[in-house]
């Protein structure tokens, strides 16, 4: 289950800062993760996989937004359905 908005953004901030090896304060809710911070598709998929596991959200078939920001990724996670157990 996804946390409230602020907690979700903070969790994503920590995850992206970790994969990008940047201080958390650089990864703000509206910074363009690709254009401004150099995020690549593999790093993005790693974060989505971690988020999916942590919050039980199925991100496997999710199409990423055109501009990747913490806010757009949070919206993507909210639109994703819960994981299903086999």
N, C-alpha and C. Protein backbone atom coordinates (compact mmCIF):
# COMPACT_ATOMS: atom_id res chain seq x y z
N UNK A 1 0.84 -1.18 0.00
CA UNK A 1 0.00 0.00 0.00
C UNK A 1 0.88 1.25 0.00
N UNK A 2 0.52 2.19 -0.83
CA UNK A 2 1.32 3.40 -0.95
C UNK A 2 1.11 4.31 0.27
N UNK A 3 2.18 4.95 0.71
CA UNK A 3 2.05 5.91 1.80
C UNK A 3 1.42 7.20 1.31
N UNK A 4 1.13 8.10 2.24
CA UNK A 4 0.61 9.42 1.88
C UNK A 4 1.61 10.15 0.99
N UNK A 5 1.16 11.20 0.33
CA UNK A 5 1.95 11.89 -0.68
C UNK A 5 3.34 12.30 -0.21
N UNK A 6 3.45 12.99 0.94
CA UNK A 6 4.76 13.45 1.40
C UNK A 6 5.70 12.29 1.68
N UNK A 7 5.19 11.25 2.32
CA UNK A 7 6.02 10.08 2.62
C UNK A 7 6.42 9.35 1.34
N UNK A 8 5.53 9.31 0.37
CA UNK A 8 5.84 8.69 -0.93
C UNK A 8 6.95 9.45 -1.62
N UNK A 9 6.84 10.78 -1.66
CA UNK A 9 7.88 11.60 -2.30
C UNK A 9 9.21 11.44 -1.57
N UNK A 10 9.20 11.38 -0.25
CA UNK A 10 10.43 11.21 0.51
C UNK A 10 11.07 9.85 0.23
N UNK A 11 10.25 8.81 0.15
CA UNK A 11 10.76 7.49 -0.17
C UNK A 11 11.39 7.45 -1.55
N UNK A 12 10.71 8.04 -2.53
CA UNK A 12 11.25 8.10 -3.89
C UNK A 12 12.53 8.94 -3.93
N UNK A 13 12.55 10.03 -3.19
CA UNK A 13 13.73 10.88 -3.14
C UNK A 13 14.94 10.08 -2.65
N UNK A 14 14.77 9.30 -1.61
CA UNK A 14 15.87 8.49 -1.08
C UNK A 14 16.32 7.45 -2.09
N UNK A 15 15.36 6.80 -2.75
CA UNK A 15 15.71 5.76 -3.73
C UNK A 15 16.48 6.34 -4.91
N UNK A 16 15.97 7.43 -5.48
CA UNK A 16 16.65 8.03 -6.63
C UNK A 16 18.00 8.61 -6.24
N UNK A 17 18.10 9.23 -5.07
CA UNK A 17 19.38 9.76 -4.61
C UNK A 17 20.40 8.64 -4.47
N UNK A 18 19.95 7.49 -3.98
CA UNK A 18 20.84 6.35 -3.82
C UNK A 18 21.36 5.85 -5.16
N UNK A 19 20.45 5.61 -6.12
CA UNK A 19 20.91 5.08 -7.42
C UNK A 19 21.73 6.10 -8.20
N UNK A 20 21.46 7.37 -7.99
CA UNK A 20 22.22 8.41 -8.69
C UNK A 20 23.48 8.82 -7.93
N UNK A 21 23.62 8.31 -6.71
CA UNK A 21 24.75 8.65 -5.85
C UNK A 21 24.87 10.16 -5.67
N UNK A 22 23.73 10.77 -5.32
CA UNK A 22 23.64 12.20 -5.10
C UNK A 22 23.06 12.47 -3.72
N UNK A 23 23.33 13.66 -3.16
CA UNK A 23 22.68 14.02 -1.90
C UNK A 23 21.16 14.13 -2.10
N UNK A 24 20.41 13.74 -1.10
CA UNK A 24 18.96 13.77 -1.23
C UNK A 24 18.42 15.15 -1.55
N UNK A 25 19.03 16.20 -1.01
CA UNK A 25 18.50 17.55 -1.23
C UNK A 25 18.58 17.99 -2.69
N UNK A 26 19.38 17.31 -3.50
CA UNK A 26 19.48 17.63 -4.94
C UNK A 26 18.28 17.06 -5.69
N UNK A 27 17.73 15.96 -5.18
CA UNK A 27 16.63 15.27 -5.84
C UNK A 27 15.31 15.83 -5.29
N UNK A 28 14.89 16.94 -5.86
CA UNK A 28 13.67 17.62 -5.42
C UNK A 28 12.46 17.10 -6.20
N UNK A 29 11.25 17.35 -5.70
CA UNK A 29 10.05 16.80 -6.35
C UNK A 29 9.86 17.16 -7.82
N UNK A 30 10.37 18.31 -8.25
CA UNK A 30 10.11 18.75 -9.62
C UNK A 30 11.34 18.76 -10.53
N UNK A 31 12.49 18.29 -10.03
CA UNK A 31 13.68 18.25 -10.88
C UNK A 31 13.51 17.15 -11.93
N UNK A 32 13.95 17.42 -13.15
CA UNK A 32 13.90 16.44 -14.23
C UNK A 32 15.03 15.44 -13.98
N UNK A 33 14.68 14.24 -13.59
CA UNK A 33 15.66 13.24 -13.19
C UNK A 33 16.59 12.84 -14.33
N UNK A 34 16.08 12.83 -15.55
CA UNK A 34 16.91 12.46 -16.70
C UNK A 34 17.74 13.65 -17.19
N UNK A 35 17.06 14.72 -17.55
CA UNK A 35 17.74 15.85 -18.18
C UNK A 35 18.67 16.58 -17.22
N UNK A 36 18.27 16.72 -15.97
CA UNK A 36 19.07 17.52 -15.04
C UNK A 36 20.01 16.69 -14.17
N UNK A 37 19.64 15.44 -13.88
CA UNK A 37 20.46 14.64 -12.98
C UNK A 37 21.11 13.43 -13.63
N UNK A 38 20.81 13.18 -14.90
CA UNK A 38 21.49 12.11 -15.64
C UNK A 38 20.96 10.71 -15.39
N UNK A 39 19.74 10.59 -14.91
CA UNK A 39 19.14 9.27 -14.68
C UNK A 39 19.04 8.52 -16.00
N UNK A 40 19.41 7.23 -16.00
CA UNK A 40 19.23 6.42 -17.20
C UNK A 40 18.09 5.42 -16.97
N UNK A 41 17.71 4.74 -18.03
CA UNK A 41 16.54 3.86 -17.96
C UNK A 41 16.75 2.69 -16.99
N UNK A 42 17.95 2.17 -16.90
CA UNK A 42 18.21 1.07 -15.97
C UNK A 42 18.06 1.54 -14.53
N UNK A 43 18.59 2.70 -14.22
CA UNK A 43 18.45 3.24 -12.87
C UNK A 43 16.97 3.47 -12.53
N UNK A 44 16.23 3.97 -13.49
CA UNK A 44 14.80 4.20 -13.27
C UNK A 44 14.08 2.88 -13.00
N UNK A 45 14.37 1.85 -13.78
CA UNK A 45 13.73 0.55 -13.58
C UNK A 45 14.10 -0.05 -12.23
N UNK A 46 15.33 0.17 -11.78
CA UNK A 46 15.75 -0.31 -10.46
C UNK A 46 14.89 0.33 -9.38
N UNK A 47 14.69 1.64 -9.48
CA UNK A 47 13.87 2.33 -8.48
C UNK A 47 12.42 1.84 -8.55
N UNK A 48 11.88 1.68 -9.76
CA UNK A 48 10.51 1.18 -9.87
C UNK A 48 10.37 -0.21 -9.27
N UNK A 49 11.36 -1.06 -9.48
CA UNK A 49 11.31 -2.40 -8.90
C UNK A 49 11.34 -2.34 -7.38
N UNK A 50 12.22 -1.51 -6.84
CA UNK A 50 12.28 -1.35 -5.37
C UNK A 50 10.97 -0.80 -4.83
N UNK A 51 10.43 0.20 -5.48
CA UNK A 51 9.17 0.80 -5.04
C UNK A 51 8.04 -0.23 -5.11
N UNK A 52 8.02 -1.01 -6.18
CA UNK A 52 7.00 -2.05 -6.32
C UNK A 52 7.06 -3.06 -5.19
N UNK A 53 8.27 -3.47 -4.83
CA UNK A 53 8.43 -4.43 -3.73
C UNK A 53 8.06 -3.81 -2.39
N UNK A 54 8.52 -2.60 -2.16
CA UNK A 54 8.29 -1.94 -0.87
C UNK A 54 6.81 -1.65 -0.64
N UNK A 55 6.13 -1.17 -1.67
CA UNK A 55 4.75 -0.74 -1.50
C UNK A 55 3.73 -1.66 -2.17
N UNK A 56 4.15 -2.84 -2.58
CA UNK A 56 3.26 -3.84 -3.17
C UNK A 56 2.46 -3.29 -4.35
N UNK A 57 3.18 -2.65 -5.27
CA UNK A 57 2.58 -2.07 -6.46
C UNK A 57 3.18 -2.76 -7.68
N UNK A 58 2.34 -3.10 -8.65
CA UNK A 58 2.81 -3.75 -9.86
C UNK A 58 3.25 -2.69 -10.86
N UNK A 59 4.55 -2.54 -11.04
CA UNK A 59 5.08 -1.55 -11.96
C UNK A 59 5.60 -2.17 -13.25
N UNK A 60 5.39 -3.46 -13.41
CA UNK A 60 5.94 -4.18 -14.55
C UNK A 60 5.53 -3.67 -15.91
N UNK A 61 4.27 -3.35 -16.08
CA UNK A 61 3.78 -2.90 -17.38
C UNK A 61 3.54 -1.40 -17.43
N UNK A 62 4.01 -0.69 -16.42
CA UNK A 62 3.78 0.74 -16.35
C UNK A 62 4.62 1.48 -17.38
N UNK A 63 3.97 2.37 -18.10
CA UNK A 63 4.70 3.21 -19.05
C UNK A 63 5.14 4.47 -18.33
N UNK A 64 6.42 4.73 -18.35
CA UNK A 64 6.95 5.88 -17.63
C UNK A 64 6.52 7.18 -18.28
N UNK A 65 6.34 8.22 -17.46
CA UNK A 65 5.97 9.53 -18.01
C UNK A 65 7.09 10.10 -18.87
N UNK A 66 6.73 11.02 -19.74
CA UNK A 66 7.71 11.63 -20.65
C UNK A 66 8.79 12.38 -19.87
N UNK A 67 8.38 13.11 -18.86
CA UNK A 67 9.33 13.82 -18.00
C UNK A 67 9.33 13.14 -16.64
N UNK A 68 10.47 12.62 -16.25
CA UNK A 68 10.57 11.92 -14.97
C UNK A 68 10.93 12.89 -13.85
N UNK A 69 9.98 13.09 -12.97
CA UNK A 69 10.20 13.84 -11.73
C UNK A 69 9.68 12.96 -10.60
N UNK A 70 10.01 13.31 -9.38
CA UNK A 70 9.45 12.54 -8.26
C UNK A 70 7.93 12.57 -8.30
N UNK A 71 7.36 13.72 -8.63
CA UNK A 71 5.89 13.84 -8.68
C UNK A 71 5.29 12.95 -9.78
N UNK A 72 5.92 12.93 -10.95
CA UNK A 72 5.36 12.12 -12.04
C UNK A 72 5.49 10.62 -11.74
N UNK A 73 6.58 10.23 -11.07
CA UNK A 73 6.74 8.83 -10.70
C UNK A 73 5.74 8.46 -9.60
N UNK A 74 5.50 9.36 -8.66
CA UNK A 74 4.49 9.12 -7.62
C UNK A 74 3.12 8.92 -8.26
N UNK A 75 2.78 9.75 -9.26
CA UNK A 75 1.50 9.59 -9.96
C UNK A 75 1.43 8.25 -10.68
N UNK A 76 2.53 7.84 -11.30
CA UNK A 76 2.61 6.55 -11.97
C UNK A 76 2.34 5.42 -10.97
N UNK A 77 2.94 5.48 -9.80
CA UNK A 77 2.74 4.45 -8.79
C UNK A 77 1.29 4.43 -8.31
N UNK A 78 0.69 5.60 -8.18
CA UNK A 78 -0.73 5.65 -7.75
C UNK A 78 -1.65 5.01 -8.79
N UNK A 79 -1.28 5.12 -10.06
CA UNK A 79 -2.11 4.53 -11.13
C UNK A 79 -1.87 3.04 -11.29
N UNK A 80 -0.75 2.55 -10.79
CA UNK A 80 -0.43 1.12 -10.91
C UNK A 80 -1.29 0.32 -9.94
N UNK A 81 -1.60 -0.87 -10.34
CA UNK A 81 -2.40 -1.73 -9.49
C UNK A 81 -1.55 -2.47 -8.46
N UNK A 82 -2.20 -3.06 -7.47
CA UNK A 82 -1.45 -3.83 -6.48
C UNK A 82 -0.85 -5.07 -7.11
N UNK A 83 0.24 -5.55 -6.49
CA UNK A 83 0.85 -6.79 -6.98
C UNK A 83 -0.10 -7.94 -6.70
N UNK A 84 -0.01 -8.95 -7.52
CA UNK A 84 -0.83 -10.14 -7.31
C UNK A 84 0.07 -11.29 -6.92
N UNK A 85 -0.34 -12.01 -5.94
CA UNK A 85 0.41 -13.18 -5.48
C UNK A 85 0.00 -14.37 -6.34
N UNK A 86 0.97 -15.17 -6.76
CA UNK A 86 0.69 -16.33 -7.59
C UNK A 86 0.20 -17.49 -6.75
